[in-house]
Amino acid sequence: MDKHFLLSSGKKQTAIPISLLDSPEALKNLTSGLGWRILQELAEPGCPMDIAKKLGIHEQKVYYYINKFKAAKLIREVKRERRHGTMAVFYQTKDYAFGFKMARTPVKTELKISSPRHARLMEPFVSEGKLNSKIIVGSPDPHGPWKARASDSCCAIDFALFLGAFTDGTGTPNYKLDTEIREKDLKGNLILIGGPTANMITNKVNSKLPIHIDLKNDVKIFSTLSKKSYAEDENGLIVSIQNPWDKKSRILVVAGKRFQGTRAAIIALITKAEKVFSGNKYEKSVNAKVVRGYDMDGDGIIDSADILE
């Protein structure tokens, strides 16, 4: 079961993921000022070389504490990057808070925390209880080369309800139509709902996606990772890439071959977030998935989704 540390300030409550430790021995290296500074640096992904340079200390001192933190299960490896012929390993704290639970601590079972366990998975699109991105949906009016009317707005509502579970609801308006987007709006984190024929911003990045919608060949979803094509109307994709207009930000594309596929992608994202952001099975370092939707109760509406790759 996921655990959270609840911070209360007036009417505002913030749930922070927390790791409960078995023994105070796990924290003994934090009594050192240097160890504490290094662990703070690892709140974001970092490698020993970069941390040593930032703190102005020898790299071996950083490695000493990294090994101690790994043994205490305070940090985890998050990625590797080739640098000058060597492999740089990046680490990050497993959670943003650590603590102990006394054996006889009473538990208030009636307390319900609304923040779901997926909050950390949705970073940087959601950060510190706030939506840190713009949601862009296709216009319902005929527009673009295909004169398409987007019908994905209802999917965006389902997705917004999902995001709302771990944001404070401030910072509105949170969405724009693709026809309202100007060059300045392309900066920052973006969430694009709908395929490239109905959402013109999706159209702009479609060719850059490792899994994209091939508009030339009978409108199929094509994966450059598996070299497979997916032709069913119920097929959708979920892809996270670096924002080509803002290298410090990211874009999340949730789209389908048709409306049914977009709905399937939203359902997969809401119900299987851990699997969605675990990387493609053909290339774990790439956050890109193909899904297929199903109508399980026979009412003509997609209500379930499986991840195909």
Protein backbone atom coordinates (compact mmCIF):
# COMPACT_ATOMS: atom_id res chain seq x y z
CA MET A 1 0.00 0.00 0.00
CA ASP A 2 1.32 3.48 -0.90
CA LYS A 3 1.84 5.82 2.05
CA HIS A 4 1.63 9.61 2.20
CA PHE A 5 2.70 12.30 4.65
CA LEU A 6 -0.20 14.74 5.06
CA LEU A 7 0.76 18.41 5.46
CA SER A 8 -2.06 20.67 6.64
CA SER A 9 -1.97 24.46 6.33
CA GLY A 10 -5.28 26.12 7.02
CA LYS A 11 -7.81 24.62 4.61
CA LYS A 12 -5.11 23.24 2.33
CA GLN A 13 -3.84 19.69 2.62
CA THR A 14 -0.91 18.31 0.63
CA ALA A 15 -0.15 14.59 0.43
CA ILE A 16 3.54 13.77 -0.06
CA PRO A 17 4.70 10.20 -0.83
CA ILE A 18 6.70 8.88 2.16
CA SER A 19 8.89 5.84 2.80
CA LEU A 20 8.62 4.33 6.28
CA LEU A 21 11.97 3.00 7.48
CA ASP A 22 12.52 -0.08 9.62
CA SER A 23 15.39 1.24 11.71
CA PRO A 24 17.06 4.56 12.60
CA GLU A 25 20.28 2.99 11.29
CA ALA A 26 19.02 3.85 7.80
CA LEU A 27 19.36 7.56 8.58
CA LYS A 28 22.64 7.55 10.48
CA ASN A 29 24.55 8.94 7.46
CA LEU A 30 22.24 11.96 7.46
CA THR A 31 23.74 13.16 10.74
CA SER A 32 26.64 14.30 8.58
CA GLY A 33 26.02 17.71 7.06
CA LEU A 34 27.60 16.56 3.82
CA GLY A 35 25.47 13.43 3.65
CA TRP A 36 22.33 15.53 4.14
CA ARG A 37 23.34 17.94 1.36
CA ILE A 38 24.00 15.08 -1.05
CA LEU A 39 20.63 13.47 -0.30
CA GLN A 40 18.91 16.81 -0.88
CA GLU A 41 20.57 17.03 -4.30
CA LEU A 42 19.08 13.61 -5.10
CA ALA A 43 15.53 14.89 -4.75
CA GLU A 44 15.98 15.29 -8.53
CA PRO A 45 17.89 12.81 -10.73
CA GLY A 46 21.62 13.36 -10.36
CA CYS A 47 24.92 11.59 -10.98
CA PRO A 48 27.93 11.66 -8.60
CA MET A 49 30.07 13.62 -11.06
CA ASP A 50 27.58 16.49 -11.32
CA ILE A 51 26.87 16.57 -7.59
CA ALA A 52 30.58 16.64 -6.73
CA LYS A 53 31.13 19.53 -9.13
CA LYS A 54 28.17 21.48 -7.75
CA LEU A 55 29.20 21.00 -4.11
CA GLY A 56 32.91 21.52 -4.82
CA ILE A 57 34.00 18.20 -3.31
CA HIS A 58 35.83 15.08 -4.52
CA GLU A 59 33.69 12.64 -6.47
CA GLN A 60 34.72 9.73 -4.20
CA LYS A 61 33.02 11.42 -1.23
CA VAL A 62 29.77 11.50 -3.19
CA TYR A 63 30.15 7.83 -4.12
CA TYR A 64 30.71 6.97 -0.44
CA TYR A 65 27.31 8.40 0.53
CA ILE A 66 25.60 7.11 -2.62
CA ASN A 67 26.58 3.57 -1.63
CA LYS A 68 25.35 4.12 1.92
CA PHE A 69 22.03 5.48 0.67
CA LYS A 70 21.62 2.57 -1.73
CA ALA A 71 22.25 0.07 1.07
CA ALA A 72 19.63 1.83 3.21
CA LYS A 73 17.21 1.81 0.25
CA LEU A 74 16.82 5.59 0.36
CA ILE A 75 17.61 6.10 -3.34
CA ARG A 76 17.12 4.26 -6.63
CA GLU A 77 18.81 4.25 -10.01
CA VAL A 78 16.67 6.13 -12.55
CA LYS A 79 18.72 6.27 -15.75
CA ARG A 80 22.12 5.92 -17.38
CA GLU A 81 23.83 8.27 -19.80
CA ARG A 82 27.00 7.79 -21.85
CA ARG A 83 29.57 10.52 -21.22
CA HIS A 84 33.06 10.70 -22.68
CA GLY A 85 33.24 6.95 -23.17
CA THR A 86 31.96 6.10 -19.67
CA MET A 87 28.48 5.42 -18.31
CA ALA A 88 27.11 8.02 -15.89
CA VAL A 89 24.53 6.54 -13.50
CA PHE A 90 21.77 8.83 -12.20
CA TYR A 91 20.09 8.30 -8.82
CA GLN A 92 17.06 9.82 -7.12
CA THR A 93 15.42 9.52 -3.72
CA LYS A 94 12.69 6.87 -3.66
CA ASP A 95 10.29 9.34 -2.08
CA TYR A 96 10.22 12.99 -1.04
CA ALA A 97 9.91 12.19 2.68
CA PHE A 98 11.21 9.52 5.06
CA GLY A 99 9.98 8.58 8.50
CA PHE A 100 9.30 5.95 11.17
CA LYS A 101 6.05 4.48 12.42
CA MET A 102 5.86 3.42 16.04
CA ALA A 103 4.52 -0.09 16.53
CA ARG A 104 1.61 1.16 18.65
CA THR A 105 0.80 4.28 16.65
CA PRO A 106 -3.00 4.65 16.35
CA VAL A 107 -4.28 4.81 12.78
CA LYS A 108 -7.17 7.08 11.80
CA THR A 109 -8.83 4.82 9.29
CA GLU A 110 -11.52 7.38 8.49
CA LEU A 111 -8.97 9.76 6.95
CA LYS A 112 -9.05 9.59 3.16
CA ILE A 113 -6.33 11.21 1.09
CA SER A 114 -7.51 12.19 -2.37
CA SER A 115 -4.07 12.31 -3.97
CA PRO A 116 -3.67 9.07 -5.95
CA ARG A 117 -0.49 7.09 -6.07
CA HIS A 118 0.10 8.25 -9.66
CA ALA A 119 0.95 11.86 -8.70
CA ARG A 120 4.68 11.33 -9.06
CA LEU A 121 4.22 9.53 -12.38
CA MET A 122 2.51 12.59 -13.82
CA GLU A 123 5.47 14.89 -13.20
CA PRO A 124 6.32 17.38 -14.65
CA PHE A 125 2.77 17.87 -15.96
CA VAL A 126 1.57 18.02 -12.36
CA SER A 127 3.90 19.48 -9.73
CA GLU A 128 3.41 20.23 -6.01
CA GLY A 129 -0.35 19.90 -6.18
CA LYS A 130 -0.79 22.12 -9.23
CA LEU A 131 -1.32 21.53 -12.94
CA ASN A 132 2.01 22.50 -14.49
CA SER A 133 0.93 22.26 -18.14
CA LYS A 134 -1.58 23.39 -20.71
CA ILE A 135 -4.17 20.90 -21.97
CA ILE A 136 -4.82 21.39 -25.68
CA VAL A 137 -7.85 19.83 -27.39
CA GLY A 138 -9.06 20.01 -30.97
CA SER A 139 -11.67 22.58 -31.94
CA PRO A 140 -15.22 21.25 -32.40
CA ASP A 141 -15.53 23.45 -35.52
CA PRO A 142 -14.28 22.32 -38.97
CA HIS A 143 -10.61 23.28 -39.16
CA GLY A 144 -7.24 22.24 -40.53
CA PRO A 145 -6.48 20.51 -43.85
CA TRP A 146 -9.04 17.79 -43.10
CA LYS A 147 -11.78 20.23 -42.02
CA ALA A 148 -12.23 17.92 -39.05
CA ARG A 149 -14.49 18.49 -36.07
CA ALA A 150 -12.78 17.23 -32.92
CA SER A 151 -14.95 15.01 -30.72
CA ASP A 152 -12.32 14.29 -28.08
CA SER A 153 -13.41 16.95 -25.55
CA CYS A 154 -15.38 14.44 -23.48
CA CYS A 155 -12.20 12.35 -23.18
CA ALA A 156 -10.38 15.45 -21.95
CA ILE A 157 -13.04 15.84 -19.24
CA ASP A 158 -12.36 12.31 -17.96
CA PHE A 159 -8.63 13.03 -17.98
CA ALA A 160 -9.14 16.37 -16.19
CA LEU A 161 -11.10 14.60 -13.43
CA PHE A 162 -8.16 12.20 -13.05
CA LEU A 163 -5.67 15.09 -12.78
CA GLY A 164 -7.97 16.93 -10.40
CA ALA A 165 -7.57 14.17 -7.81
CA PHE A 166 -4.06 15.42 -7.04
CA THR A 167 -4.21 19.13 -7.83
CA ASP A 168 -5.79 21.93 -5.81
CA GLY A 169 -8.00 23.09 -8.68
CA THR A 170 -6.44 26.56 -8.95
CA GLY A 171 -4.78 28.14 -11.95
CA THR A 172 -7.73 28.05 -14.35
CA PRO A 173 -8.26 28.16 -17.28
CA ASN A 174 -6.37 24.91 -17.80
CA TYR A 175 -7.11 24.19 -21.46
CA LYS A 176 -7.11 25.76 -24.91
CA LEU A 177 -8.43 24.79 -28.32
CA ASP A 178 -5.79 24.06 -30.94
CA THR A 179 -7.11 26.95 -33.04
CA GLU A 180 -6.36 29.35 -30.15
CA ILE A 181 -2.71 28.35 -29.83
CA ARG A 182 -0.05 30.91 -30.78
CA GLU A 183 3.72 30.50 -30.82
CA LYS A 184 4.11 31.71 -27.23
CA ASP A 185 1.63 29.06 -26.07
CA LEU A 186 3.93 26.26 -27.26
CA LYS A 187 6.36 26.89 -24.38
CA GLY A 188 6.15 24.89 -21.17
CA ASN A 189 4.64 21.44 -20.61
CA LEU A 190 1.80 20.50 -22.95
CA ILE A 191 -0.84 17.77 -22.84
CA LEU A 192 -2.31 17.13 -26.29
CA ILE A 193 -5.63 15.28 -26.54
CA GLY A 194 -6.68 13.90 -29.93
CA GLY A 195 -5.04 12.77 -33.16
CA PRO A 196 -3.29 14.84 -35.86
CA THR A 197 -6.33 15.30 -38.09
CA ALA A 198 -8.44 16.85 -35.31
CA ASN A 199 -5.77 18.54 -33.16
CA MET A 200 -3.37 20.69 -35.18
CA ILE A 201 -0.79 20.85 -32.38
CA THR A 202 -0.68 17.04 -32.32
CA ASN A 203 -0.22 17.30 -36.08
CA LYS A 204 2.87 19.49 -35.58
CA VAL A 205 4.63 16.89 -33.38
CA ASN A 206 3.18 13.72 -34.91
CA SER A 207 6.23 12.99 -37.09
CA LYS A 208 8.54 13.40 -34.06
CA LEU A 209 6.76 10.72 -32.01
CA PRO A 210 8.34 7.24 -31.71
CA ILE A 211 4.79 5.92 -32.04
CA HIS A 212 2.74 8.09 -34.35
CA ILE A 213 -0.27 8.10 -36.66
CA ASP A 214 0.70 7.42 -40.27
CA LEU A 215 -1.65 9.62 -42.29
CA LYS A 216 -0.34 8.43 -45.65
CA ASN A 217 -1.10 4.74 -45.31
CA ASP A 218 -4.81 4.42 -44.56
CA VAL A 219 -4.39 6.21 -41.22
CA LYS A 220 -2.62 3.59 -39.13
CA ILE A 221 -0.72 3.85 -35.89
CA PHE A 222 2.92 2.97 -36.55
CA SER A 223 5.58 2.14 -33.96
CA THR A 224 9.18 2.87 -34.91
CA LEU A 225 10.18 0.77 -31.89
CA SER A 226 8.51 -2.50 -32.89
CA LYS A 227 8.04 -1.69 -36.62
CA LYS A 228 4.42 -2.73 -36.22
CA SER A 229 1.27 -1.07 -37.57
CA TYR A 230 -2.08 -0.95 -35.78
CA ALA A 231 -5.15 -0.41 -37.95
CA GLU A 232 -8.14 -0.85 -35.61
CA ASP A 233 -10.28 2.21 -34.86
CA GLU A 234 -9.99 1.25 -31.17
CA ASN A 235 -6.19 1.64 -31.21
CA GLY A 236 -4.64 4.59 -29.40
CA LEU A 237 -1.25 5.89 -28.32
CA ILE A 238 0.26 7.56 -25.26
CA VAL A 239 3.65 9.21 -25.80
CA SER A 240 5.78 11.55 -23.70
CA ILE A 241 8.56 13.46 -25.50
CA GLN A 242 10.74 16.51 -25.00
CA ASN A 243 8.99 19.68 -26.12
CA PRO A 244 10.66 20.66 -29.44
CA TRP A 245 9.75 24.34 -28.79
CA ASP A 246 11.05 24.32 -25.21
CA LYS A 247 13.84 21.86 -24.41
CA LYS A 248 13.27 22.17 -20.65
CA SER A 249 9.66 20.98 -20.92
CA ARG A 250 7.76 17.93 -22.12
CA ILE A 251 4.74 17.04 -24.22
CA LEU A 252 2.29 14.25 -23.42
CA VAL A 253 0.25 13.10 -26.43
CA VAL A 254 -2.89 11.05 -25.81
CA ALA A 255 -4.49 10.23 -29.15
CA GLY A 256 -6.22 7.61 -31.21
CA LYS A 257 -6.69 6.52 -34.80
CA ARG A 258 -10.31 7.56 -34.30
CA PHE A 259 -12.32 8.88 -31.33
CA GLN A 260 -12.60 5.32 -29.92
CA GLY A 261 -8.81 5.07 -29.85
CA THR A 262 -8.42 8.36 -27.98
CA ARG A 263 -10.97 7.17 -25.43
CA ALA A 264 -9.04 3.90 -25.06
CA ALA A 265 -5.80 5.83 -24.50
CA ILE A 266 -7.41 7.98 -21.78
CA ILE A 267 -8.83 4.89 -20.05
CA ALA A 268 -5.43 3.16 -20.14
CA LEU A 269 -3.72 6.25 -18.72
CA ILE A 270 -6.23 6.57 -15.88
CA THR A 271 -6.45 2.88 -14.93
CA LYS A 272 -2.91 1.64 -15.72
CA ALA A 273 -0.68 4.64 -15.09
CA GLU A 274 2.24 2.60 -13.68
CA LYS A 275 2.38 0.42 -16.80
CA VAL A 276 1.87 3.38 -19.12
CA PHE A 277 4.93 5.18 -17.73
CA SER A 278 7.11 2.07 -17.35
CA GLY A 279 8.57 2.45 -20.85
CA ASN A 280 7.91 0.63 -24.10
CA LYS A 281 8.60 -3.12 -23.98
CA TYR A 282 10.85 -2.81 -27.03
CA GLU A 283 12.77 0.16 -25.58
CA LYS A 284 12.42 0.75 -21.84
CA SER A 285 13.92 4.24 -21.97
CA VAL A 286 11.12 5.49 -24.25
CA ASN A 287 7.76 6.48 -22.74
CA ALA A 288 5.51 5.39 -25.59
CA LYS A 289 2.59 2.95 -25.57
CA VAL A 290 0.07 1.50 -28.02
CA VAL A 291 -3.31 0.54 -26.53
CA ARG A 292 -6.50 -1.09 -27.71
CA GLY A 293 -9.94 -0.32 -26.34
CA TYR A 294 -12.79 -2.75 -25.68
CA ASP A 295 -16.53 -2.46 -25.08
CA MET A 296 -16.91 -4.94 -22.23
CA ASP A 297 -20.59 -4.38 -21.42
CA GLY A 298 -21.84 -4.22 -25.00
CA ASP A 299 -23.32 -0.70 -24.84
CA GLY A 300 -21.27 0.57 -27.78
CA ILE A 301 -18.90 2.64 -25.62
CA ILE A 302 -15.23 1.82 -24.98
CA ASP A 303 -14.89 1.11 -21.25
CA SER A 304 -11.66 -0.92 -20.98
CA ALA A 305 -8.19 -0.88 -22.51
CA ASP A 306 -5.17 -3.15 -22.85
CA ILE A 307 -1.58 -2.12 -23.52
CA LEU A 308 -0.27 -3.76 -26.69
CA GLU A 309 3.29 -2.43 -26.49
